[in-house]
Amino acid sequence: MKNGEIIELKYSGGWLGIWYRKNPREEFIRLTEETLNRKIPLFNVLVEKERQKRAEAFLKNCEVKWSGKINNLNTVKAPTDDFEMLKMGAQLFFEMSELFENHGAGYQLVAMCLTSARCESLQEYLQDFHPVLFVRTCAEETVDIVTSWIHLIEPRQHWKKKGKRRPKVYRTPVLDYRKPSIVGRNLLDFNSATVKLKKAKKVHTPIPYDDVLIAVVGADVKQIHELQPYAESAGLILVNSAKAGYEGTCLSDRYLAAVDDELFCQIQEHSLAMASVFYEWRCDEGDENEWADQIVKKAKASFGKPDSRYRSVVFDPAKLQNAVFWKFCDPFLPLLWIGDG
């Protein structure tokens, strides 16, 4: 007799999750180590290799009710390939530095954006690297500008593929927890892949934010911790949210005052150009590993040669992050001359 029924879902070549139920009258639940402890005798006292063997044998004797996958998600549905538009988008990225009276704040946002799109490559050479920017503001206008800008460069939120093996995906780059709710808000309200089965049964799961810039507004420690496993390779702008152990530069109202409304209108007007050039930057087919290695080396070298009396050197996470930010602008510059031959 079969052990039960399972649903399998893969994402970008790896496992996203397995869901299990003993019989059709039950609801599917995510298969965890705790579930396997209940289903497999003495599972929790076995060594890892034996646990893996027993788990595989258990799953092999389950009926696969549904199996599917999600490929990497394109956050721009129809990016333009017009040279002049791409050049304009690249120029607007750098003009973002002038959006606020303090130009350093604008540069921080641009650098966060560019870095987040290559986050996985950088983490190959800087394992603890995680681009994080804190925004502390009492001005609702500032929150709206930051979140609107992210929506402009990461515009796509819905993916629906034809076919039974393609789940429906909703994933927004702005997670706003401020909306009042009796039951509270969780990650599935902003990020959910939905597998629909017969008889109106559904399974929901969050999917990773890979090489994406996201803004989290008004989140507490619990909500940030829920997001963490799915944002390990994403850039985070935490707006009036808990730190939850993250380190990074903090921008307050002192740095975010006096917005250039005319420039922001231009950014909104040419949002497709900005989103497309950001797409080009993320999907560039060059040797990412080679230049990521060079950027990390240059960022560390910018601190100068350490005193030979010290056996090891540990870099301050926030300062090293900023050093990587500024080195990241150099490889982006060629996009300003797209189409110039």
Protein backbone atom coordinates (compact mmCIF):
# COMPACT_ATOMS: atom_id res chain seq x y z
CA MET A 1 0.00 0.00 0.00
CA LYS A 2 1.20 3.50 -0.80
CA ASN A 3 2.44 5.70 2.07
CA GLY A 4 0.25 8.55 0.86
CA GLU A 5 0.21 11.29 -1.78
CA ILE A 6 2.74 14.05 -2.46
CA ILE A 7 3.05 17.26 -4.44
CA GLU A 8 6.49 18.19 -5.77
CA LEU A 9 7.52 21.70 -6.79
CA LYS A 10 10.91 22.76 -8.12
CA TYR A 11 12.28 26.26 -8.57
CA SER A 12 15.22 27.16 -10.82
CA GLY A 13 16.61 23.64 -10.81
CA GLY A 14 16.28 22.96 -7.06
CA TRP A 15 13.56 21.76 -4.72
CA LEU A 16 11.16 24.41 -3.50
CA GLY A 17 8.99 22.08 -1.48
CA ILE A 18 7.21 18.75 -1.09
CA TRP A 19 3.70 18.48 0.37
CA TYR A 20 2.19 15.31 1.82
CA ARG A 21 -1.12 13.80 2.86
CA LYS A 22 -1.96 10.32 4.04
CA ASN A 23 -5.30 10.05 2.22
CA PRO A 24 -7.53 12.17 -0.08
CA ARG A 25 -9.72 13.32 2.84
CA GLU A 26 -6.82 15.23 4.40
CA GLU A 27 -5.28 18.55 3.42
CA PHE A 28 -1.74 18.63 2.03
CA ILE A 29 0.91 19.80 4.50
CA ARG A 30 4.53 20.70 3.80
CA LEU A 31 6.78 17.69 4.31
CA THR A 32 9.29 18.52 7.04
CA GLU A 33 11.68 16.63 9.28
CA GLU A 34 8.97 16.68 11.95
CA THR A 35 6.54 14.97 9.54
CA LEU A 36 9.11 12.31 8.71
CA ASN A 37 9.74 11.74 12.44
CA ARG A 38 6.09 10.76 12.80
CA LYS A 39 5.96 8.59 9.68
CA ILE A 40 9.30 6.75 9.80
CA PRO A 41 10.19 4.65 12.90
CA LEU A 42 13.31 5.84 14.79
CA PHE A 43 13.94 8.51 12.13
CA ASN A 44 15.17 11.11 14.63
CA VAL A 45 17.90 8.84 16.05
CA LEU A 46 19.47 7.86 12.72
CA VAL A 47 22.62 9.43 11.24
CA GLU A 48 22.17 11.84 8.33
CA LYS A 49 23.05 9.36 5.58
CA GLU A 50 20.58 6.80 6.90
CA ARG A 51 17.86 9.45 7.38
CA GLN A 52 18.31 10.49 3.74
CA LYS A 53 18.03 6.88 2.62
CA ARG A 54 14.86 6.25 4.66
CA ALA A 55 13.26 9.52 3.48
CA GLU A 56 13.91 8.66 -0.18
CA ALA A 57 12.43 5.19 0.32
CA PHE A 58 9.35 6.71 1.99
CA LEU A 59 8.79 9.20 -0.86
CA LYS A 60 9.34 6.52 -3.50
CA ASN A 61 6.39 4.65 -2.05
CA CYS A 62 4.12 7.73 -2.25
CA GLU A 63 1.85 8.54 -5.18
CA VAL A 64 2.93 11.75 -6.95
CA LYS A 65 -0.33 13.66 -7.19
CA TRP A 66 1.22 16.68 -8.94
CA SER A 67 4.73 17.61 -10.02
CA GLY A 68 5.88 20.85 -11.61
CA LYS A 69 8.51 23.57 -11.68
CA ILE A 70 8.98 27.33 -11.74
CA ASN A 71 11.77 28.80 -13.83
CA ASN A 72 13.57 32.06 -13.03
CA LEU A 73 11.01 34.87 -13.10
CA ASN A 74 11.44 37.73 -15.56
CA THR A 75 10.40 40.90 -13.70
CA VAL A 76 9.93 42.86 -16.95
CA LYS A 77 7.26 41.34 -19.20
CA ALA A 78 8.30 43.03 -22.48
CA PRO A 79 11.64 44.86 -22.13
CA THR A 80 12.55 47.22 -24.92
CA ASP A 81 15.64 46.65 -27.06
CA ASP A 82 15.64 50.19 -28.46
CA PHE A 83 19.18 51.59 -28.06
CA GLU A 84 18.08 55.15 -27.37
CA MET A 85 15.57 54.07 -24.73
CA LEU A 86 18.14 51.89 -23.00
CA LYS A 87 20.64 54.73 -23.00
CA MET A 88 18.01 57.05 -21.51
CA GLY A 89 17.22 54.46 -18.83
CA ALA A 90 20.91 54.19 -17.88
CA GLN A 91 21.22 57.98 -17.67
CA LEU A 92 18.15 58.20 -15.43
CA PHE A 93 19.69 55.62 -13.11
CA PHE A 94 22.65 57.92 -12.50
CA GLU A 95 20.45 61.01 -12.28
CA MET A 96 18.73 59.27 -9.36
CA SER A 97 21.61 60.64 -7.29
CA GLU A 98 19.99 64.07 -7.62
CA LEU A 99 16.53 62.95 -6.55
CA PHE A 100 17.15 64.08 -2.97
CA GLU A 101 18.92 67.17 -1.70
CA ASN A 102 21.63 64.93 -0.28
CA HIS A 103 23.07 63.24 -3.39
CA GLY A 104 24.63 60.48 -1.31
CA ALA A 105 21.15 59.11 -0.54
CA GLY A 106 20.36 58.83 -4.26
CA TYR A 107 23.66 57.09 -4.94
CA GLN A 108 22.90 54.62 -2.14
CA LEU A 109 19.58 53.70 -3.80
CA VAL A 110 21.19 53.27 -7.24
CA ALA A 111 24.04 51.19 -5.83
CA MET A 112 21.58 49.02 -3.88
CA CYS A 113 19.64 48.41 -7.08
CA LEU A 114 22.68 47.48 -9.19
CA THR A 115 24.18 45.28 -6.48
CA SER A 116 20.97 43.36 -5.79
CA ALA A 117 20.74 42.29 -9.45
CA ARG A 118 24.08 40.46 -9.13
CA CYS A 119 23.77 39.37 -5.51
CA GLU A 120 24.27 35.62 -6.07
CA SER A 121 27.50 36.15 -8.03
CA LEU A 122 28.94 38.37 -5.32
CA GLN A 123 28.07 35.87 -2.60
CA GLU A 124 30.29 33.30 -4.32
CA TYR A 125 33.28 35.43 -3.26
CA LEU A 126 31.83 37.18 -0.21
CA GLN A 127 29.70 34.62 1.60
CA ASP A 128 28.32 36.94 4.28
CA PHE A 129 27.49 39.70 1.80
CA HIS A 130 23.88 40.83 1.88
CA PRO A 131 22.99 44.31 0.50
CA VAL A 132 20.76 46.02 3.06
CA LEU A 133 19.72 49.66 3.33
CA PHE A 134 17.66 51.06 6.21
CA VAL A 135 15.28 53.97 5.64
CA ARG A 136 13.94 55.73 8.72
CA THR A 137 11.44 58.44 7.86
CA CYS A 138 8.31 60.15 9.18
CA ALA A 139 7.44 61.49 5.72
CA GLU A 140 4.84 59.45 3.85
CA GLU A 141 6.03 61.06 0.61
CA THR A 142 9.49 59.52 1.06
CA VAL A 143 8.01 56.05 1.61
CA ASP A 144 5.88 56.47 -1.53
CA ILE A 145 8.88 57.55 -3.63
CA VAL A 146 11.07 54.63 -2.54
CA THR A 147 8.35 52.01 -3.02
CA SER A 148 7.08 53.53 -6.31
CA TRP A 149 10.60 53.57 -7.72
CA ILE A 150 11.07 49.88 -6.94
CA HIS A 151 7.75 49.07 -8.60
CA LEU A 152 8.95 50.97 -11.68
CA ILE A 153 12.15 48.96 -12.13
CA GLU A 154 10.62 45.63 -11.01
CA PRO A 155 7.15 46.06 -12.57
CA ARG A 156 5.97 42.50 -13.07
CA GLN A 157 4.10 40.83 -10.20
CA HIS A 158 2.00 38.09 -11.84
CA TRP A 159 3.09 35.01 -13.79
CA LYS A 160 0.57 32.54 -15.17
CA LYS A 161 1.76 29.80 -17.50
CA LYS A 162 -0.48 27.62 -19.62
CA GLY A 163 -0.51 23.93 -18.77
CA LYS A 164 -1.28 21.79 -15.75
CA ARG A 165 2.34 21.70 -14.52
CA ARG A 166 2.74 25.48 -14.21
CA PRO A 167 1.60 27.06 -10.94
CA LYS A 168 0.21 30.58 -10.79
CA VAL A 169 2.73 32.98 -9.22
CA TYR A 170 2.23 36.31 -7.46
CA ARG A 171 5.35 38.04 -6.14
CA THR A 172 5.56 41.74 -5.42
CA PRO A 173 8.85 43.59 -4.77
CA VAL A 174 7.18 45.81 -2.15
CA LEU A 175 6.02 44.15 1.07
CA ASP A 176 3.93 46.70 2.94
CA TYR A 177 2.91 45.41 6.37
CA ARG A 178 1.27 48.65 7.49
CA LYS A 179 -2.24 47.81 6.33
CA PRO A 180 -4.45 47.21 9.40
CA SER A 181 -5.70 43.65 9.69
CA ILE A 182 -7.35 41.65 12.46
CA VAL A 183 -5.45 38.52 11.44
CA GLY A 184 -2.18 40.26 10.56
CA ARG A 185 -0.17 39.94 7.36
CA ASN A 186 2.37 37.27 6.41
CA LEU A 187 4.71 36.54 3.53
CA LEU A 188 2.09 34.67 1.48
CA ASP A 189 0.15 37.94 1.15
CA PHE A 190 3.02 39.27 -1.01
CA ASN A 191 4.69 36.18 -2.42
CA SER A 192 2.85 33.02 -3.36
CA ALA A 193 3.10 30.21 -5.90
CA THR A 194 -0.27 28.47 -6.06
CA VAL A 195 -0.76 24.87 -7.14
CA LYS A 196 -4.42 24.20 -7.92
CA LEU A 197 -5.71 20.66 -7.69
CA LYS A 198 -9.09 19.10 -8.39
CA LYS A 199 -12.06 19.77 -6.10
CA ALA A 200 -10.85 23.36 -5.47
CA LYS A 201 -7.90 22.23 -3.33
CA LYS A 202 -4.85 24.50 -3.41
CA VAL A 203 -1.31 24.58 -2.06
CA HIS A 204 0.52 27.89 -1.54
CA THR A 205 4.21 28.51 -0.97
CA PRO A 206 6.54 31.53 -1.08
CA ILE A 207 9.33 31.48 -3.67
CA PRO A 208 12.81 33.01 -3.40
CA TYR A 209 13.63 36.58 -4.33
CA ASP A 210 16.79 35.85 -6.35
CA ASP A 211 18.81 38.84 -7.62
CA VAL A 212 15.86 41.14 -6.92
CA LEU A 213 15.56 44.46 -5.08
CA ILE A 214 12.71 44.50 -2.57
CA ALA A 215 11.36 47.02 -0.10
CA VAL A 216 9.87 45.96 3.24
CA VAL A 217 7.71 48.57 4.95
CA GLY A 218 6.66 48.53 8.59
CA ALA A 219 7.65 44.92 9.32
CA ASP A 220 8.38 43.63 12.82
CA VAL A 221 11.08 41.13 13.78
CA LYS A 222 8.82 38.09 13.28
CA GLN A 223 7.83 39.19 9.79
CA ILE A 224 11.45 39.88 8.80
CA HIS A 225 12.50 36.45 10.07
CA GLU A 226 9.73 34.83 8.00
CA LEU A 227 11.08 36.60 4.90
CA GLN A 228 14.79 35.86 5.51
CA PRO A 229 15.02 32.34 3.98
CA TYR A 230 13.49 33.66 0.74
CA ALA A 231 15.59 36.85 0.53
CA GLU A 232 19.09 35.46 1.03
CA SER A 233 20.13 36.57 -2.48
CA ALA A 234 18.12 39.78 -2.69
CA GLY A 235 18.75 43.43 -1.94
CA LEU A 236 16.66 44.66 1.02
CA ILE A 237 15.50 48.21 1.65
CA LEU A 238 13.97 48.08 5.13
CA VAL A 239 11.66 51.08 5.47
CA ASN A 240 10.66 51.78 9.08
CA SER A 241 11.14 48.06 9.76
CA ALA A 242 12.93 46.08 12.45
CA LYS A 243 16.66 45.43 11.99
CA ALA A 244 16.27 41.74 12.88
CA GLY A 245 20.05 41.22 12.93
CA TYR A 246 20.79 42.90 9.59
CA GLU A 247 23.62 45.41 9.19
CA GLY A 248 23.73 48.28 6.72
CA THR A 249 23.69 52.02 6.12
CA CYS A 250 20.73 53.96 7.50
CA LEU A 251 19.14 56.91 5.65
CA SER A 252 17.03 59.21 7.80
CA ASP A 253 14.87 62.25 6.96
CA ARG A 254 18.03 64.37 7.17
CA TYR A 255 19.30 62.65 3.99
CA LEU A 256 15.94 62.23 2.22
CA ALA A 257 14.61 65.81 2.34
CA ALA A 258 13.75 68.12 -0.57
CA VAL A 259 12.68 65.74 -3.34
CA ASP A 260 13.17 66.81 -6.97
CA ASP A 261 9.58 66.27 -8.17
CA GLU A 262 10.43 67.09 -11.79
CA LEU A 263 13.11 64.39 -11.91
CA PHE A 264 10.79 61.85 -10.34
CA CYS A 265 8.15 62.64 -12.97
CA GLN A 266 10.78 61.92 -15.66
CA ILE A 267 11.57 58.62 -13.98
CA GLN A 268 7.89 57.69 -13.96
CA GLU A 269 7.44 58.77 -17.57
CA HIS A 270 10.37 56.64 -18.76
CA SER A 271 9.82 53.71 -16.41
CA LEU A 272 9.98 51.12 -19.22
CA ALA A 273 13.42 52.41 -20.21
CA MET A 274 14.68 52.10 -16.62
CA ALA A 275 13.12 48.66 -16.13
CA SER A 276 14.59 47.45 -19.44
CA VAL A 277 18.12 48.65 -18.73
CA PHE A 278 17.90 47.05 -15.30
CA TYR A 279 16.79 43.82 -17.03
CA GLU A 280 19.79 44.07 -19.40
CA TRP A 281 22.09 44.60 -16.43
CA ARG A 282 20.72 41.57 -14.58
CA CYS A 283 20.79 39.28 -17.62
CA ASP A 284 24.16 40.35 -19.05
CA GLU A 285 25.87 37.23 -20.45
CA GLY A 286 29.41 38.25 -19.51
CA ASP A 287 31.57 36.24 -17.13
CA GLU A 288 29.84 37.17 -13.87
CA ASN A 289 32.18 35.13 -11.70
CA GLU A 290 35.29 36.83 -13.05
CA TRP A 291 34.10 40.39 -12.54
CA ALA A 292 32.40 39.58 -9.21
CA ASP A 293 35.77 38.32 -7.96
CA GLN A 294 37.44 41.53 -9.19
CA ILE A 295 34.84 43.77 -7.55
CA VAL A 296 35.26 42.05 -4.18
CA LYS A 297 39.06 42.32 -4.42
CA LYS A 298 38.87 46.02 -5.35
CA ALA A 299 36.41 46.73 -2.53
CA LYS A 300 38.69 45.10 0.05
CA ALA A 301 41.77 46.80 -1.40
CA SER A 302 40.08 50.21 -1.00
CA PHE A 303 40.65 49.93 2.78
CA GLY A 304 44.41 49.88 2.24
CA LYS A 305 46.99 47.26 3.12
CA PRO A 306 46.50 45.94 6.68
CA ASP A 307 49.28 46.16 9.22
CA SER A 308 51.51 43.08 8.92
CA ARG A 309 51.44 42.64 12.71
CA TYR A 310 47.85 41.38 12.51
CA ARG A 311 47.29 37.71 11.71
CA SER A 312 43.79 38.24 10.26
CA VAL A 313 41.54 41.13 9.29
CA VAL A 314 37.74 41.27 9.64
CA PHE A 315 35.96 43.98 7.67
CA ASP A 316 33.08 45.97 9.13
CA PRO A 317 30.00 44.59 7.25
CA ALA A 318 28.37 48.00 6.63
CA LYS A 319 31.62 49.61 5.43
CA LEU A 320 32.50 46.66 3.20
CA GLN A 321 28.99 46.75 1.73
CA ASN A 322 29.43 50.43 0.85
CA ALA A 323 32.83 49.72 -0.70
CA VAL A 324 31.21 47.05 -2.92
CA PHE A 325 28.42 49.53 -3.79
CA TRP A 326 30.80 52.12 -5.20
CA LYS A 327 32.90 49.60 -7.11
CA PHE A 328 29.69 48.32 -8.68
CA CYS A 329 29.01 51.56 -10.53
CA ASP A 330 32.12 51.11 -12.75
CA PRO A 331 30.91 48.08 -14.79
CA PHE A 332 27.48 49.74 -15.21
CA LEU A 333 28.96 52.83 -16.94
CA PRO A 334 29.25 51.23 -20.43
CA LEU A 335 25.45 51.07 -20.59
CA LEU A 336 25.47 54.87 -20.85
CA TRP A 337 27.04 54.50 -24.30
CA ILE A 338 24.68 51.85 -25.65
CA GLY A 339 24.30 52.31 -29.39
CA ASP A 340 27.21 54.74 -29.79
CA GLY A 341 29.16 52.14 -31.76
